C-alpha atoms as a PDB file:
ATOM      1  CA  MET A   1     -10.341  11.384  -8.363  1.00  0.00           C
ATOM      2  CA  SER A   2     -14.082  11.212  -8.850  1.00  0.00           C
ATOM      3  CA  LYS A   3     -16.291   9.630  -6.232  1.00  0.00           C
ATOM      4  CA  GLY A   4     -17.380   6.900  -8.617  1.00  0.00           C
ATOM      5  CA  LEU A   5     -13.806   5.895  -9.409  1.00  0.00           C
ATOM      6  CA  SER A   6     -12.888   5.956  -5.718  1.00  0.00           C
ATOM      7  CA  LEU A   7     -15.863   3.750  -4.960  1.00  0.00           C
ATOM      8  CA  TRP A   8     -14.822   1.351  -7.725  1.00  0.00           C
ATOM      9  CA  PHE A   9     -11.308   0.930  -6.297  1.00  0.00           C
ATOM     10  CA  ALA A  10     -12.636   0.527  -2.745  1.00  0.00           C
ATOM     11  CA  VAL A  11     -15.209  -2.103  -3.688  1.00  0.00           C
ATOM     12  CA  SER A  12     -12.897  -4.005  -6.033  1.00  0.00           C
ATOM     13  CA  SER A  13     -10.183  -4.096  -3.365  1.00  0.00           C
ATOM     14  CA  ILE A  14     -12.622  -5.414  -0.768  1.00  0.00           C
ATOM     15  CA  ILE A  15     -13.839  -8.103  -3.172  1.00  0.00           C
ATOM     16  CA  LEU A  16     -10.259  -9.158  -3.986  1.00  0.00           C
ATOM     17  CA  MET A  17      -9.311  -9.258  -0.281  1.00  0.00           C
ATOM     18  CA  THR A  18     -12.384 -11.334   0.523  1.00  0.00           C
ATOM     19  CA  ALA A  19     -11.610 -13.749  -2.298  1.00  0.00           C
ATOM     20  CA  ALA A  20      -8.016 -14.063  -1.071  1.00  0.00           C
ATOM     21  CA  THR A  21      -9.083 -14.843   2.483  1.00  0.00           C
ATOM     22  CA  ILE A  22     -11.626 -17.414   1.331  1.00  0.00           C
ATOM     23  CA  SER A  23      -9.118 -19.087  -0.982  1.00  0.00           C
ATOM     24  CA  ILE A  24      -6.538 -19.514   1.800  1.00  0.00           C
ATOM     25  CA  SER A  25      -8.292 -22.650   3.010  1.00  0.00           C
ATOM     26  CA  HIS A  26      -8.585 -24.077  -0.502  1.00  0.00           C
ATOM     27  CA  ASN A  27      -5.373 -23.250  -2.357  1.00  0.00           C
ATOM     28  CA  VAL A  28      -2.464 -21.222  -1.008  1.00  0.00           C
ATOM     29  CA  LEU A  29      -1.059 -20.322  -4.429  1.00  0.00           C
ATOM     30  CA  VAL A  30      -4.376 -18.838  -5.524  1.00  0.00           C
ATOM     31  CA  ALA A  31      -4.532 -16.908  -2.256  1.00  0.00           C
ATOM     32  CA  ILE A  32      -1.040 -15.494  -2.848  1.00  0.00           C
ATOM     33  CA  GLY A  33      -1.984 -14.539  -6.397  1.00  0.00           C
ATOM     34  CA  LEU A  34      -5.143 -12.802  -5.254  1.00  0.00           C
ATOM     35  CA  GLY A  35      -3.186 -11.022  -2.523  1.00  0.00           C
ATOM     36  CA  LEU A  36      -0.713  -9.696  -5.073  1.00  0.00           C
ATOM     37  CA  LEU A  37      -3.565  -8.679  -7.344  1.00  0.00           C
ATOM     38  CA  THR A  38      -5.139  -6.807  -4.431  1.00  0.00           C
ATOM     39  CA  ILE A  39      -1.906  -4.926  -3.758  1.00  0.00           C
ATOM     40  CA  LEU A  40      -1.580  -4.047  -7.452  1.00  0.00           C
ATOM     41  CA  ASN A  41      -5.198  -2.836  -7.535  1.00  0.00           C
ATOM     42  CA  ILE A  42      -4.673  -0.581  -4.526  1.00  0.00           C
ATOM     43  CA  GLY A  43      -1.405   0.737  -5.982  1.00  0.00           C
ATOM     44  CA  TRP A  44      -3.064   1.402  -9.332  1.00  0.00           C
ATOM     45  CA  GLY A  45      -5.720   3.428  -7.531  1.00  0.00           C
ATOM     46  CA  PHE A  46      -3.043   5.576  -5.877  1.00  0.00           C
ATOM     47  CA  ILE A  47      -1.267   6.051  -9.214  1.00  0.00           C
ATOM     48  CA  ILE A  48      -4.455   7.217 -10.918  1.00  0.00           C
ATOM     49  CA  LYS A  49      -5.206   9.543  -8.004  1.00  0.00           C
ATOM     50  CA  ALA A  50      -1.733  11.115  -8.253  1.00  0.00           C
ATOM     51  CA  LYS A  51      -1.967  11.540 -12.018  1.00  0.00           C
ATOM     52  CA  ARG A  52      -5.374  13.210 -11.790  1.00  0.00           C
ATOM     53  CA  ARG A  53      -4.160  15.498  -9.017  1.00  0.00           C
ATOM     54  CA  ARG A  54      -1.235  16.725 -11.159  1.00  0.00           C
ATOM     55  CA  SER A  55      -3.369  17.601 -14.161  1.00  0.00           C
END
């Protein structure tokens, strides 16, 4: 995976985690949604990394 793409997944995951932690005090359902979105984003990054490694 290129450095730029790795940086994108790292920064976007940090932003999503920060948004989830901030939203815990406001709305729990939004926090759960953002937490799931964070997990999906991290998983998507691993999937792309594996696909690029194979080819």
